Amino acid sequence: MESLYILIPISIVLTFAIAYFFWWSGKNGQFDDLEGPAHRILMDDDDTSGLSEQDNSANKADK
């Protein structure tokens, strides 16, 4: 029974701390875009059509 005098205030403080950090993370934009990074990793940004002529001639010389 005496342990409840310690456990209940600790649980209340812990609940408020978790609620505060959840509110803080929402306010600072942590939950704005959850799917963007997952889709962005699938996008291919490598574009080889923009190579300069010097790069193209160097590639032909290697072959």
PDB file of N, CA and C in Angstrom:
ATOM      1  N   MET A   1       0.822  -1.200   0.000  1.00  0.00           N
ATOM      2  CA  MET A   1       0.000   0.000   0.000  1.00  0.00           C
ATOM      3  C   MET A   1       0.863   1.262   0.000  1.00  0.00           C
ATOM      4  N   GLU A   2       1.968   1.209   0.755  1.00  0.00           N
ATOM      5  CA  GLU A   2       2.829   2.395   0.803  1.00  0.00           C
ATOM      6  C   GLU A   2       3.510   2.651  -0.531  1.00  0.00           C
ATOM      7  N   SER A   3       3.681   1.621  -1.342  1.00  0.00           N
ATOM      8  CA  SER A   3       4.329   1.824  -2.640  1.00  0.00           C
ATOM      9  C   SER A   3       3.456   2.656  -3.578  1.00  0.00           C
ATOM     10  N   LEU A   4       2.144   2.636  -3.360  1.00  0.00           N
ATOM     11  CA  LEU A   4       1.258   3.458  -4.190  1.00  0.00           C
ATOM     12  C   LEU A   4       1.484   4.947  -3.964  1.00  0.00           C
ATOM     13  N   TYR A   5       1.932   5.319  -2.771  1.00  0.00           N
ATOM     14  CA  TYR A   5       2.213   6.729  -2.491  1.00  0.00           C
ATOM     15  C   TYR A   5       3.399   7.239  -3.322  1.00  0.00           C
ATOM     16  N   ILE A   6       4.228   6.327  -3.767  1.00  0.00           N
ATOM     17  CA  ILE A   6       5.357   6.700  -4.610  1.00  0.00           C
ATOM     18  C   ILE A   6       5.020   6.495  -6.089  1.00  0.00           C
ATOM     19  N   LEU A   7       4.368   5.383  -6.407  1.00  0.00           N
ATOM     20  CA  LEU A   7       4.117   5.035  -7.798  1.00  0.00           C
ATOM     21  C   LEU A   7       3.112   5.960  -8.489  1.00  0.00           C
ATOM     22  N   ILE A   8       2.075   6.374  -7.798  1.00  0.00           N
ATOM     23  CA  ILE A   8       1.056   7.229  -8.418  1.00  0.00           C
ATOM     24  C   ILE A   8       1.626   8.602  -8.782  1.00  0.00           C
ATOM     25  N   PRO A   9       2.343   9.305  -7.892  1.00  0.00           N
ATOM     26  CA  PRO A   9       2.929  10.589  -8.326  1.00  0.00           C
ATOM     27  C   PRO A   9       3.964  10.434  -9.442  1.00  0.00           C
ATOM     28  N   ILE A  10       4.753   9.351  -9.420  1.00  0.00           N
ATOM     29  CA  ILE A  10       5.728   9.126 -10.478  1.00  0.00           C
ATOM     30  C   ILE A  10       5.009   8.904 -11.805  1.00  0.00           C
ATOM     31  N   SER A  11       3.920   8.154 -11.803  1.00  0.00           N
ATOM     32  CA  SER A  11       3.191   7.907 -13.045  1.00  0.00           C
ATOM     33  C   SER A  11       2.533   9.181 -13.567  1.00  0.00           C
ATOM     34  N   ILE A  12       2.059  10.034 -12.681  1.00  0.00           N
ATOM     35  CA  ILE A  12       1.451  11.299 -13.110  1.00  0.00           C
ATOM     36  C   ILE A  12       2.507  12.213 -13.729  1.00  0.00           C
ATOM     37  N   VAL A  13       3.669  12.318 -13.086  1.00  0.00           N
ATOM     38  CA  VAL A  13       4.751  13.142 -13.624  1.00  0.00           C
ATOM     39  C   VAL A  13       5.224  12.587 -14.959  1.00  0.00           C
ATOM     40  N   LEU A  14       5.361  11.276 -15.067  1.00  0.00           N
ATOM     41  CA  LEU A  14       5.787  10.649 -16.315  1.00  0.00           C
ATOM     42  C   LEU A  14       4.764  10.878 -17.425  1.00  0.00           C
ATOM     43  N   THR A  15       3.488  10.824 -17.107  1.00  0.00           N
ATOM     44  CA  THR A  15       2.438  11.078 -18.092  1.00  0.00           C
ATOM     45  C   THR A  15       2.518  12.507 -18.622  1.00  0.00           C
ATOM     46  N   PHE A  16       2.713  13.471 -17.726  1.00  0.00           N
ATOM     47  CA  PHE A  16       2.831  14.857 -18.164  1.00  0.00           C
ATOM     48  C   PHE A  16       4.100  15.084 -18.983  1.00  0.00           C
ATOM     49  N   ALA A  17       5.184  14.427 -18.625  1.00  0.00           N
ATOM     50  CA  ALA A  17       6.431  14.569 -19.380  1.00  0.00           C
ATOM     51  C   ALA A  17       6.267  14.002 -20.793  1.00  0.00           C
ATOM     52  N   ILE A  18       5.653  12.844 -20.927  1.00  0.00           N
ATOM     53  CA  ILE A  18       5.428  12.244 -22.239  1.00  0.00           C
ATOM     54  C   ILE A  18       4.490  13.119 -23.071  1.00  0.00           C
ATOM     55  N   ALA A  19       3.436  13.637 -22.453  1.00  0.00           N
ATOM     56  CA  ALA A  19       2.498  14.508 -23.167  1.00  0.00           C
ATOM     57  C   ALA A  19       3.191  15.787 -23.628  1.00  0.00           C
ATOM     58  N   TYR A  20       4.056  16.346 -22.788  1.00  0.00           N
ATOM     59  CA  TYR A  20       4.777  17.564 -23.166  1.00  0.00           C
ATOM     60  C   TYR A  20       5.695  17.305 -24.351  1.00  0.00           C
ATOM     61  N   PHE A  21       6.460  16.215 -24.319  1.00  0.00           N
ATOM     62  CA  PHE A  21       7.376  15.935 -25.437  1.00  0.00           C
ATOM     63  C   PHE A  21       6.619  15.584 -26.713  1.00  0.00           C
ATOM     64  N   PHE A  22       5.476  14.954 -26.603  1.00  0.00           N
ATOM     65  CA  PHE A  22       4.653  14.693 -27.780  1.00  0.00           C
ATOM     66  C   PHE A  22       4.141  16.004 -28.371  1.00  0.00           C
ATOM     67  N   TRP A  23       3.689  16.900 -27.538  1.00  0.00           N
ATOM     68  CA  TRP A  23       3.216  18.211 -27.987  1.00  0.00           C
ATOM     69  C   TRP A  23       4.366  18.998 -28.614  1.00  0.00           C
ATOM     70  N   TRP A  24       5.539  18.982 -27.993  1.00  0.00           N
ATOM     71  CA  TRP A  24       6.709  19.694 -28.488  1.00  0.00           C
ATOM     72  C   TRP A  24       7.136  19.167 -29.860  1.00  0.00           C
ATOM     73  N   SER A  25       7.138  17.855 -30.027  1.00  0.00           N
ATOM     74  CA  SER A  25       7.555  17.291 -31.308  1.00  0.00           C
ATOM     75  C   SER A  25       6.544  17.618 -32.404  1.00  0.00           C
ATOM     76  N   GLY A  26       5.273  17.650 -32.070  1.00  0.00           N
ATOM     77  CA  GLY A  26       4.264  18.044 -33.049  1.00  0.00           C
ATOM     78  C   GLY A  26       4.368  19.504 -33.434  1.00  0.00           C
ATOM     79  N   LYS A  27       4.700  20.335 -32.472  1.00  0.00           N
ATOM     80  CA  LYS A  27       4.838  21.768 -32.719  1.00  0.00           C
ATOM     81  C   LYS A  27       6.070  22.068 -33.577  1.00  0.00           C
ATOM     82  N   ASN A  28       7.123  21.269 -33.459  1.00  0.00           N
ATOM     83  CA  ASN A  28       8.362  21.507 -34.199  1.00  0.00           C
ATOM     84  C   ASN A  28       8.415  20.780 -35.527  1.00  0.00           C
ATOM     85  N   GLY A  29       7.326  20.177 -35.963  1.00  0.00           N
ATOM     86  CA  GLY A  29       7.258  19.625 -37.306  1.00  0.00           C
ATOM     87  C   GLY A  29       7.765  18.203 -37.458  1.00  0.00           C
ATOM     88  N   GLN A  30       7.838  17.444 -36.399  1.00  0.00           N
ATOM     89  CA  GLN A  30       8.324  16.075 -36.504  1.00  0.00           C
ATOM     90  C   GLN A  30       7.355  15.167 -37.252  1.00  0.00           C
ATOM     91  N   PHE A  31       6.082  15.515 -37.288  1.00  0.00           N
ATOM     92  CA  PHE A  31       5.076  14.667 -37.911  1.00  0.00           C
ATOM     93  C   PHE A  31       4.515  15.270 -39.195  1.00  0.00           C
ATOM     94  N   ASP A  32       5.212  16.231 -39.784  1.00  0.00           N
ATOM     95  CA  ASP A  32       4.692  16.912 -40.966  1.00  0.00           C
ATOM     96  C   ASP A  32       4.636  16.006 -42.191  1.00  0.00           C
ATOM     97  N   ASP A  33       5.714  15.324 -42.502  1.00  0.00           N
ATOM     98  CA  ASP A  33       5.771  14.512 -43.715  1.00  0.00           C
ATOM     99  C   ASP A  33       6.342  13.145 -43.370  1.00  0.00           C
ATOM    100  N   LEU A  34       5.477  12.178 -43.162  1.00  0.00           N
ATOM    101  CA  LEU A  34       5.934  10.851 -42.779  1.00  0.00           C
ATOM    102  C   LEU A  34       6.261   9.975 -43.977  1.00  0.00           C
ATOM    103  N   GLU A  35       5.659  10.235 -45.133  1.00  0.00           N
ATOM    104  CA  GLU A  35       5.860   9.375 -46.292  1.00  0.00           C
ATOM    105  C   GLU A  35       6.884   9.930 -47.275  1.00  0.00           C
ATOM    106  N   GLY A  36       7.229  11.193 -47.188  1.00  0.00           N
ATOM    107  CA  GLY A  36       8.155  11.813 -48.132  1.00  0.00           C
ATOM    108  C   GLY A  36       9.517  11.144 -48.192  1.00  0.00           C
ATOM    109  N   PRO A  37      10.193  10.932 -47.054  1.00  0.00           N
ATOM    110  CA  PRO A  37      11.505  10.291 -47.119  1.00  0.00           C
ATOM    111  C   PRO A  37      11.450   8.870 -47.678  1.00  0.00           C
ATOM    112  N   ALA A  38      10.386   8.155 -47.430  1.00  0.00           N
ATOM    113  CA  ALA A  38      10.267   6.794 -47.961  1.00  0.00           C
ATOM    114  C   ALA A  38      10.119   6.813 -49.478  1.00  0.00           C
ATOM    115  N   HIS A  39       9.409   7.795 -50.020  1.00  0.00           N
ATOM    116  CA  HIS A  39       9.257   7.893 -51.471  1.00  0.00           C
ATOM    117  C   HIS A  39      10.499   8.499 -52.125  1.00  0.00           C
ATOM    118  N   ARG A  40      11.153   9.397 -51.406  1.00  0.00           N
ATOM    119  CA  ARG A  40      12.312  10.085 -51.964  1.00  0.00           C
ATOM    120  C   ARG A  40      13.477   9.127 -52.193  1.00  0.00           C
ATOM    121  N   ILE A  41      13.599   8.091 -51.373  1.00  0.00           N
ATOM    122  CA  ILE A  41      14.699   7.152 -51.542  1.00  0.00           C
ATOM    123  C   ILE A  41      14.526   6.321 -52.812  1.00  0.00           C
ATOM    124  N   LEU A  42      13.288   6.211 -53.287  1.00  0.00           N
ATOM    125  CA  LEU A  42      13.032   5.443 -54.503  1.00  0.00           C
ATOM    126  C   LEU A  42      13.230   6.258 -55.773  1.00  0.00           C
ATOM    127  N   MET A  43      13.236   7.574 -55.644  1.00  0.00           N
ATOM    128  CA  MET A  43      13.421   8.437 -56.804  1.00  0.00           C
ATOM    129  C   MET A  43      14.880   8.373 -57.253  1.00  0.00           C
ATOM    130  N   ASP A  44      15.099   8.242 -58.563  1.00  0.00           N
ATOM    131  CA  ASP A  44      16.448   8.174 -59.096  1.00  0.00           C
ATOM    132  C   ASP A  44      16.844   9.542 -59.617  1.00  0.00           C
ATOM    133  N   ASP A  45      17.825  10.153 -58.985  1.00  0.00           N
ATOM    134  CA  ASP A  45      18.275  11.474 -59.390  1.00  0.00           C
ATOM    135  C   ASP A  45      19.498  11.426 -60.302  1.00  0.00           C
ATOM    136  N   ASP A  46      20.016  10.255 -60.576  1.00  0.00           N
ATOM    137  CA  ASP A  46      21.197  10.140 -61.426  1.00  0.00           C
ATOM    138  C   ASP A  46      20.797  10.358 -62.883  1.00  0.00           C
ATOM    139  N   ASP A  47      21.293  11.436 -63.450  1.00  0.00           N
ATOM    140  CA  ASP A  47      20.984  11.779 -64.833  1.00  0.00           C
ATOM    141  C   ASP A  47      22.287  11.825 -65.611  1.00  0.00           C
ATOM    142  N   THR A  48      22.498  10.870 -66.494  1.00  0.00           N
ATOM    143  CA  THR A  48      23.750  10.807 -67.243  1.00  0.00           C
ATOM    144  C   THR A  48      23.664  11.546 -68.567  1.00  0.00           C
ATOM    145  N   SER A  49      22.507  12.064 -68.929  1.00  0.00           N
ATOM    146  CA  SER A  49      22.387  12.765 -70.205  1.00  0.00           C
ATOM    147  C   SER A  49      23.054  14.137 -70.152  1.00  0.00           C
ATOM    148  N   GLY A  50      23.349  14.660 -68.987  1.00  0.00           N
ATOM    149  CA  GLY A  50      23.933  15.985 -68.856  1.00  0.00           C
ATOM    150  C   GLY A  50      25.451  15.976 -68.793  1.00  0.00           C
ATOM    151  N   LEU A  51      26.097  14.896 -69.190  1.00  0.00           N
ATOM    152  CA  LEU A  51      27.555  14.856 -69.168  1.00  0.00           C
ATOM    153  C   LEU A  51      28.121  15.814 -70.206  1.00  0.00           C
ATOM    154  N   SER A  52      29.204  16.443 -69.853  1.00  0.00           N
ATOM    155  CA  SER A  52      29.840  17.351 -70.811  1.00  0.00           C
ATOM    156  C   SER A  52      30.587  16.549 -71.872  1.00  0.00           C
ATOM    157  N   GLU A  53      30.984  17.217 -72.945  1.00  0.00           N
ATOM    158  CA  GLU A  53      31.683  16.534 -74.032  1.00  0.00           C
ATOM    159  C   GLU A  53      33.034  16.014 -73.575  1.00  0.00           C
ATOM    160  N   GLN A  54      33.643  16.704 -72.622  1.00  0.00           N
ATOM    161  CA  GLN A  54      34.932  16.257 -72.108  1.00  0.00           C
ATOM    162  C   GLN A  54      34.775  14.920 -71.386  1.00  0.00           C
ATOM    163  N   ASP A  55      33.703  14.777 -70.603  1.00  0.00           N
ATOM    164  CA  ASP A  55      33.445  13.511 -69.928  1.00  0.00           C
ATOM    165  C   ASP A  55      33.144  12.411 -70.935  1.00  0.00           C
ATOM    166  N   ASN A  56      32.378  12.739 -71.976  1.00  0.00           N
ATOM    167  CA  ASN A  56      32.047  11.751 -73.004  1.00  0.00           C
ATOM    168  C   ASN A  56      33.296  11.285 -73.750  1.00  0.00           C
ATOM    169  N   SER A  57      34.202  12.230 -74.062  1.00  0.00           N
ATOM    170  CA  SER A  57      35.418  11.835 -74.773  1.00  0.00           C
ATOM    171  C   SER A  57      36.329  11.011 -73.873  1.00  0.00           C
ATOM    172  N   ALA A  58      36.323  11.285 -72.589  1.00  0.00           N
ATOM    173  CA  ALA A  58      37.138  10.505 -71.657  1.00  0.00           C
ATOM    174  C   ALA A  58      36.585   9.092 -71.546  1.00  0.00           C
ATOM    175  N   ASN A  59      35.276   8.946 -71.574  1.00  0.00           N
ATOM    176  CA  ASN A  59      34.661   7.612 -71.514  1.00  0.00           C
ATOM    177  C   ASN A  59      34.968   6.818 -72.788  1.00  0.00           C
ATOM    178  N   LYS A  60      34.973   7.488 -73.958  1.00  0.00           N
ATOM    179  CA  LYS A  60      35.260   6.800 -75.211  1.00  0.00           C
ATOM    180  C   LYS A  60      36.721   6.374 -75.285  1.00  0.00           C
ATOM    181  N   ALA A  61      37.606   7.193 -74.694  1.00  0.00           N
ATOM    182  CA  ALA A  61      39.026   6.866 -74.712  1.00  0.00           C
ATOM    183  C   ALA A  61      39.329   5.662 -73.825  1.00  0.00           C
ATOM    184  N   ASP A  62      38.557   5.452 -72.790  1.00  0.00           N
ATOM    185  CA  ASP A  62      38.768   4.323 -71.888  1.00  0.00           C
ATOM    186  C   ASP A  62      38.398   3.008 -72.554  1.00  0.00           C
ATOM    187  N   LYS A  63      37.513   3.046 -73.506  1.00  0.00           N
ATOM    188  CA  LYS A  63      37.022   1.803 -74.128  1.00  0.00           C
ATOM    189  C   LYS A  63      37.953   1.364 -75.159  1.00  0.00           C
TER     190      LYS A  63
END
